[in-house]
Structure formats: structure tokens, C-alpha cells
Amino acid sequence: MWLKDESCYGSGGWGGNKVRELEWLLPEARRRGARTVLSVGGLGTNWGLAELSGGSRTARCAVLDVAA
């Protein structure tokens, strides 16, 4: 049996599916030598906050384009 405690992820209040997706996407971006990680989302996007947090540690620049 494999259990995963997601309570330790993201001090910004996100977790679950967003963090699981980023666990695969951000290391792949690093492996490919990405210098910029770009995400697009709506106003108040939790995905965008999680991506900025993880992306800033993965690449030189993390960008979030917010559509109001």
C-alpha cells in the first residue's frame, strides 16, 4: 500500500491535483533546460500561485499571465 500525505505541500493553501501535476511538469522543464516557465489563468487562480512557487525554483523566471 502506498499513501501520500499532501498536507506538507504549498504554504499558499494549494495541494492535491495541482501539486501532483506540477511534480511531473516542473522536473521535466528543468531536465529540458527551461529558462522560463509560463502559466495562464483567471483572476485568483490557485494553479498560477502553485506554478509560480514551484516554477521560480525550477527556472530562472516564472511568469503568470492573469486574465481578468
Protein backbone atom coordinates (compact mmCIF):
# COMPACT_ATOMS: atom_id res chain seq x y z
CA MET A 1 0.00 0.00 0.00
CA TRP A 2 1.25 3.46 -0.92
CA LEU A 3 -0.05 6.53 0.90
CA LYS A 4 0.77 10.10 0.10
CA ASP A 5 0.33 12.89 2.64
CA GLU A 6 -0.30 16.13 0.73
CA SER A 7 -0.61 18.31 3.80
CA CYS A 8 3.06 19.34 3.57
CA TYR A 9 2.75 20.85 0.06
CA GLY A 10 2.34 24.51 -0.64
CA SER A 11 2.16 27.06 2.13
CA GLY A 12 -0.18 29.09 -0.11
CA GLY A 13 -3.14 26.80 0.53
CA TRP A 14 -2.97 24.66 -2.60
CA GLY A 15 -2.41 20.96 -2.92
CA GLY A 16 -3.91 17.85 -4.41
CA ASN A 17 -4.22 17.69 -8.19
CA LYS A 18 -2.40 20.94 -8.86
CA VAL A 19 0.68 19.91 -6.92
CA ARG A 20 0.64 16.37 -8.34
CA GLU A 21 0.60 17.74 -11.89
CA LEU A 22 3.47 20.13 -11.14
CA GLU A 23 5.50 17.27 -9.63
CA TRP A 24 5.82 15.93 -13.18
CA LEU A 25 5.83 19.13 -15.24
CA LEU A 26 8.44 21.17 -13.39
CA PRO A 27 11.17 18.49 -13.23
CA GLU A 28 10.66 17.91 -16.96
CA ALA A 29 11.08 21.64 -17.59
CA ARG A 30 14.31 21.56 -15.57
CA ARG A 31 15.53 18.48 -17.47
CA ARG A 32 14.95 20.29 -20.76
CA GLY A 33 16.87 23.34 -19.53
CA ALA A 34 13.89 25.71 -19.46
CA ARG A 35 14.76 29.26 -18.55
CA THR A 36 11.16 30.44 -18.28
CA VAL A 37 8.01 28.73 -17.01
CA LEU A 38 4.78 30.33 -18.26
CA SER A 39 1.27 29.75 -16.96
CA VAL A 40 -2.02 31.41 -17.89
CA GLY A 41 -5.03 31.55 -15.60
CA GLY A 42 -8.01 33.51 -14.40
CA LEU A 43 -8.09 36.04 -11.62
CA GLY A 44 -7.45 34.31 -8.28
CA THR A 45 -6.00 31.16 -9.87
CA ASN A 46 -4.56 28.72 -7.34
CA TRP A 47 -2.85 26.83 -10.17
CA GLY A 48 -0.97 30.01 -11.07
CA LEU A 49 0.21 30.54 -7.50
CA ALA A 50 1.42 26.95 -7.25
CA GLU A 51 3.18 27.22 -10.63
CA LEU A 52 4.88 30.48 -9.67
CA SER A 53 6.09 28.99 -6.41
CA GLY A 54 7.47 25.83 -7.99
CA GLY A 55 8.48 27.46 -11.25
CA SER A 56 10.63 30.06 -9.55
CA ARG A 57 12.73 27.21 -8.11
CA THR A 58 12.83 25.36 -11.45
CA ALA A 59 13.68 28.06 -13.96
CA ARG A 60 15.25 31.50 -13.94
CA CYS A 61 11.88 33.13 -14.48
CA ALA A 62 8.30 32.11 -13.69
CA VAL A 63 5.57 34.14 -15.39
CA LEU A 64 1.83 34.17 -14.69
CA ASP A 65 -0.48 35.87 -17.19
CA VAL A 66 -3.78 36.60 -15.41
CA ALA A 67 -6.91 37.22 -17.45
CA ALA A 68 -9.47 39.31 -15.57
